[in-house]
């Protein structure tokens, strides 16, 4: 079976269950190697946003700068793939990026005379479509008199580069009782809807197969 034709009509894909975070689909008559390729891409091959660079202006908390930057990088960010480019595919071709491939988020805690927790609700994004998936993720505790002020920059990336860019928490493939059928289950980190992950994964596999066929064609010439 031609993998690309399978995805053109979607006749071999059946939705079993679906909600805002998790989706299971049945793959019918798809060779195992193709189904597994889709599983792996759904896990770490679909681009999502994550904080990649942090400029710390002031940090008087007990958490060191590198620890703070690490926490910010692991916060899942809502992603809009239709509006932004991956840095390597952006026309700007700039190391610092542009408005089409980078989004700035700012955190300025100010000073307080009480102990408090800084949450993701304190992060302000320059683009409302790219922001933490929840306002309730704790970042750091501040004692009286402590403060944090920073700017961070998020970009699209893939989990193959770093786990913070994984689009899924889990992506599993299980056999069914019928021969030639398997079930793909994808649980999103919240950056993308699970349906978006699967559709983007399909497109990624088709693109890679096209590139592979082209390479084989060039070798045979």
Protein backbone atom coordinates (compact mmCIF):
# COMPACT_ATOMS: atom_id res chain seq x y z
CA UNK A 1 0.00 0.00 0.00
CA UNK A 2 1.16 3.52 -0.80
CA UNK A 3 1.43 5.40 2.50
CA UNK A 4 0.78 8.73 0.80
CA UNK A 5 -2.46 7.48 -0.79
CA UNK A 6 -3.62 6.26 2.60
CA UNK A 7 -3.45 9.77 3.98
CA UNK A 8 -5.02 11.38 0.94
CA UNK A 9 -8.40 9.75 1.53
CA UNK A 10 -8.05 8.91 5.26
CA UNK A 11 -10.16 5.80 4.57
CA UNK A 12 -7.87 3.67 6.70
CA UNK A 13 -8.16 5.89 9.77
CA UNK A 14 -10.98 5.56 12.29
CA UNK A 15 -11.35 7.74 15.38
CA UNK A 16 -11.96 5.60 18.46
CA UNK A 17 -11.96 8.27 21.17
CA UNK A 18 -11.12 11.93 21.41
CA UNK A 19 -11.04 14.77 23.94
CA UNK A 20 -9.08 17.99 24.37
CA UNK A 21 -5.89 16.20 25.51
CA UNK A 22 -6.01 12.64 24.19
CA UNK A 23 -7.00 10.90 20.97
CA UNK A 24 -6.99 7.29 19.78
CA UNK A 25 -7.32 6.26 16.15
CA UNK A 26 -7.45 2.86 14.49
CA UNK A 27 -5.07 2.32 11.57
CA UNK A 28 -6.34 -0.27 9.10
CA UNK A 29 -4.11 -2.12 6.68
CA UNK A 30 -1.09 0.05 7.37
CA UNK A 31 2.33 -1.69 7.41
CA UNK A 32 3.85 -1.70 10.86
CA UNK A 33 6.90 0.33 9.81
CA UNK A 34 4.69 3.14 8.54
CA UNK A 35 2.44 3.12 11.59
CA UNK A 36 5.45 3.20 13.88
CA UNK A 37 6.99 6.07 11.92
CA UNK A 38 3.79 8.05 12.51
CA UNK A 39 3.88 7.18 16.23
CA UNK A 40 7.43 8.44 16.63
CA UNK A 41 6.79 11.67 14.75
CA UNK A 42 3.67 12.35 16.82
CA UNK A 43 5.85 12.05 19.93
CA UNK A 44 8.79 14.27 19.03
CA UNK A 45 8.67 15.23 15.36
CA UNK A 46 5.89 17.82 15.29
CA UNK A 47 7.18 21.37 16.02
CA UNK A 48 5.88 23.26 19.07
CA UNK A 49 6.92 26.40 20.92
CA UNK A 50 9.21 26.37 23.96
CA UNK A 51 11.36 28.99 25.67
CA UNK A 52 14.86 28.73 24.23
CA UNK A 53 16.67 31.89 25.37
CA UNK A 54 16.36 33.72 28.70
CA UNK A 55 17.82 37.16 29.47
CA UNK A 56 17.76 37.63 33.24
CA UNK A 57 17.81 41.28 34.24
CA UNK A 58 17.41 40.71 37.98
CA UNK A 59 17.10 37.58 40.10
CA UNK A 60 17.33 37.81 43.88
CA UNK A 61 15.42 34.56 44.49
CA UNK A 62 17.04 31.43 45.95
CA UNK A 63 16.79 29.77 42.51
CA UNK A 64 19.97 30.32 40.45
CA UNK A 65 19.73 31.81 36.97
CA UNK A 66 20.28 28.49 35.21
CA UNK A 67 17.60 26.79 37.33
CA UNK A 68 15.14 29.55 36.53
CA UNK A 69 15.92 29.31 32.80
CA UNK A 70 15.47 25.52 32.93
CA UNK A 71 12.03 25.82 34.54
CA UNK A 72 10.90 28.37 31.97
CA UNK A 73 12.04 26.11 29.14
CA UNK A 74 9.90 23.21 30.39
CA UNK A 75 6.64 25.21 30.51
CA UNK A 76 4.37 23.95 27.69
CA UNK A 77 3.32 26.82 25.42
CA UNK A 78 0.22 27.03 23.25
CA UNK A 79 1.33 26.79 19.63
CA UNK A 80 -0.10 28.14 16.37
CA UNK A 81 1.65 26.37 13.49
CA UNK A 82 -0.22 28.38 10.86
CA UNK A 83 1.28 31.71 11.93
CA UNK A 84 4.92 30.98 12.69
CA UNK A 85 7.92 29.43 10.96
CA UNK A 86 10.64 27.20 12.29
CA UNK A 87 13.85 29.30 12.50
CA UNK A 88 15.59 27.20 9.83
CA UNK A 89 12.69 27.80 7.42
CA UNK A 90 12.11 31.48 8.19
CA UNK A 91 12.93 34.07 5.53
CA UNK A 92 14.76 36.25 8.08
CA UNK A 93 17.57 33.66 8.46
CA UNK A 94 18.65 35.60 11.54
CA UNK A 95 20.27 34.19 14.68
CA UNK A 96 18.09 36.47 16.79
CA UNK A 97 14.90 35.65 14.88
CA UNK A 98 11.98 37.84 13.88
CA UNK A 99 8.28 38.22 14.59
CA UNK A 100 7.56 35.30 12.25
CA UNK A 101 9.72 32.78 14.10
CA UNK A 102 10.17 34.09 17.66
CA UNK A 103 7.92 35.30 20.48
CA UNK A 104 9.06 37.27 23.54
CA UNK A 105 7.64 36.68 27.00
CA UNK A 106 8.32 39.01 29.94
CA UNK A 107 8.24 38.42 33.68
CA UNK A 108 8.53 41.29 36.18
CA UNK A 109 7.52 40.23 39.68
CA UNK A 110 8.06 43.61 41.34
CA UNK A 111 8.83 43.74 45.07
CA UNK A 112 6.61 42.48 47.85
CA UNK A 113 6.76 42.36 51.65
CA UNK A 114 5.16 38.90 51.83
CA UNK A 115 6.20 35.42 50.72
CA UNK A 116 4.53 34.53 47.45
CA UNK A 117 4.67 32.17 44.49
CA UNK A 118 5.28 33.33 40.94
CA UNK A 119 3.03 31.48 38.51
CA UNK A 120 2.83 31.32 34.74
CA UNK A 121 0.04 33.89 35.01
CA UNK A 122 2.84 36.38 35.71
CA UNK A 123 4.37 35.71 32.28
CA UNK A 124 3.28 38.24 29.69
CA UNK A 125 3.54 37.23 26.01
CA UNK A 126 3.81 39.68 23.13
CA UNK A 127 1.55 37.36 21.12
CA UNK A 128 -1.56 36.01 22.82
CA UNK A 129 -1.57 32.85 20.69
CA UNK A 130 1.73 31.72 22.22
CA UNK A 131 1.41 31.53 26.00
CA UNK A 132 1.58 28.94 28.80
CA UNK A 133 -1.11 26.26 28.57
CA UNK A 134 -2.12 27.11 32.15
CA UNK A 135 -1.88 30.16 34.41
CA UNK A 136 -1.38 27.94 37.47
CA UNK A 137 2.07 26.42 36.83
CA UNK A 138 4.42 27.51 39.65
CA UNK A 139 7.78 28.95 38.61
CA UNK A 140 9.50 30.07 41.83
CA UNK A 141 8.78 31.12 45.44
CA UNK A 142 9.85 34.61 46.46
CA UNK A 143 10.56 35.70 50.03
CA UNK A 144 9.88 39.30 51.16
CA UNK A 145 12.15 41.71 49.29
CA UNK A 146 13.08 39.24 46.53
CA UNK A 147 12.21 39.90 42.90
CA UNK A 148 12.65 38.57 39.39
CA UNK A 149 12.79 40.49 36.14
CA UNK A 150 13.55 38.79 32.84
CA UNK A 151 12.83 38.50 29.14
CA UNK A 152 12.63 35.14 27.43
CA UNK A 153 12.26 34.14 23.82
CA UNK A 154 10.33 31.13 22.55
CA UNK A 155 10.76 29.45 19.18
CA UNK A 156 9.47 26.40 17.36
CA UNK A 157 11.50 23.24 17.77
CA UNK A 158 11.19 19.48 17.74
CA UNK A 159 11.62 16.94 20.51
CA UNK A 160 14.41 15.29 18.53
CA UNK A 161 16.49 18.32 19.53
CA UNK A 162 15.33 18.56 23.17
CA UNK A 163 12.48 17.00 25.17
CA UNK A 164 11.03 20.45 25.94
CA UNK A 165 9.84 20.49 22.31
CA UNK A 166 7.99 17.16 22.55
CA UNK A 167 4.47 17.68 21.21
CA UNK A 168 3.11 14.64 23.10
CA UNK A 169 3.41 13.23 26.58
CA UNK A 170 2.79 9.76 25.18
CA UNK A 171 2.43 8.30 21.69
CA UNK A 172 1.75 4.57 21.67
CA UNK A 173 0.94 1.94 19.06
CA UNK A 174 -0.89 -1.23 20.07
CA UNK A 175 -2.17 -4.21 18.07
CA UNK A 176 -5.88 -4.96 17.89
CA UNK A 177 -7.50 -8.39 17.70
CA UNK A 178 -7.76 -8.07 13.92
CA UNK A 179 -4.80 -8.69 11.66
CA UNK A 180 -3.45 -5.61 9.92
CA UNK A 181 -5.01 -3.21 12.42
CA UNK A 182 -3.35 -1.15 15.15
CA UNK A 183 -4.36 1.63 17.48
CA UNK A 184 -2.43 4.90 17.75
CA UNK A 185 -2.96 6.84 20.97
CA UNK A 186 -1.60 10.36 21.35
CA UNK A 187 -1.72 12.46 24.53
CA UNK A 188 -0.85 16.11 23.98
CA UNK A 189 1.26 18.28 26.28
CA UNK A 190 -1.37 20.96 25.68
CA UNK A 191 0.69 22.89 23.14
CA UNK A 192 -1.43 21.47 20.30
CA UNK A 193 -4.74 19.62 20.12
CA UNK A 194 -4.16 15.86 19.71
CA UNK A 195 -5.93 15.99 16.35
CA UNK A 196 -3.47 18.65 15.18
CA UNK A 197 -0.57 16.45 16.27
CA UNK A 198 -1.80 13.47 14.28
CA UNK A 199 -2.59 15.51 11.17
CA UNK A 200 0.79 17.28 11.36
CA UNK A 201 2.45 13.90 11.92
CA UNK A 202 0.78 12.56 8.78
CA UNK A 203 2.07 15.52 6.80
CA UNK A 204 5.58 15.08 8.22
CA UNK A 205 5.70 11.39 7.29
CA UNK A 206 4.43 12.11 3.78
CA UNK A 207 7.09 14.79 3.36
CA UNK A 208 9.87 12.50 4.58
CA UNK A 209 8.70 9.70 2.28
CA UNK A 210 8.66 12.11 -0.64
CA UNK A 211 12.21 13.22 0.14
CA UNK A 212 13.33 9.58 0.46
CA UNK A 213 11.76 8.65 -2.90
CA UNK A 214 13.51 11.61 -4.50
CA UNK A 215 16.86 10.51 -3.06
CA UNK A 216 16.35 6.96 -4.35
CA UNK A 217 15.45 8.35 -7.75
CA UNK A 218 18.63 10.40 -7.90
CA UNK A 219 20.75 7.36 -6.94
CA UNK A 220 19.22 5.24 -9.67
CA UNK A 221 19.87 7.82 -12.41
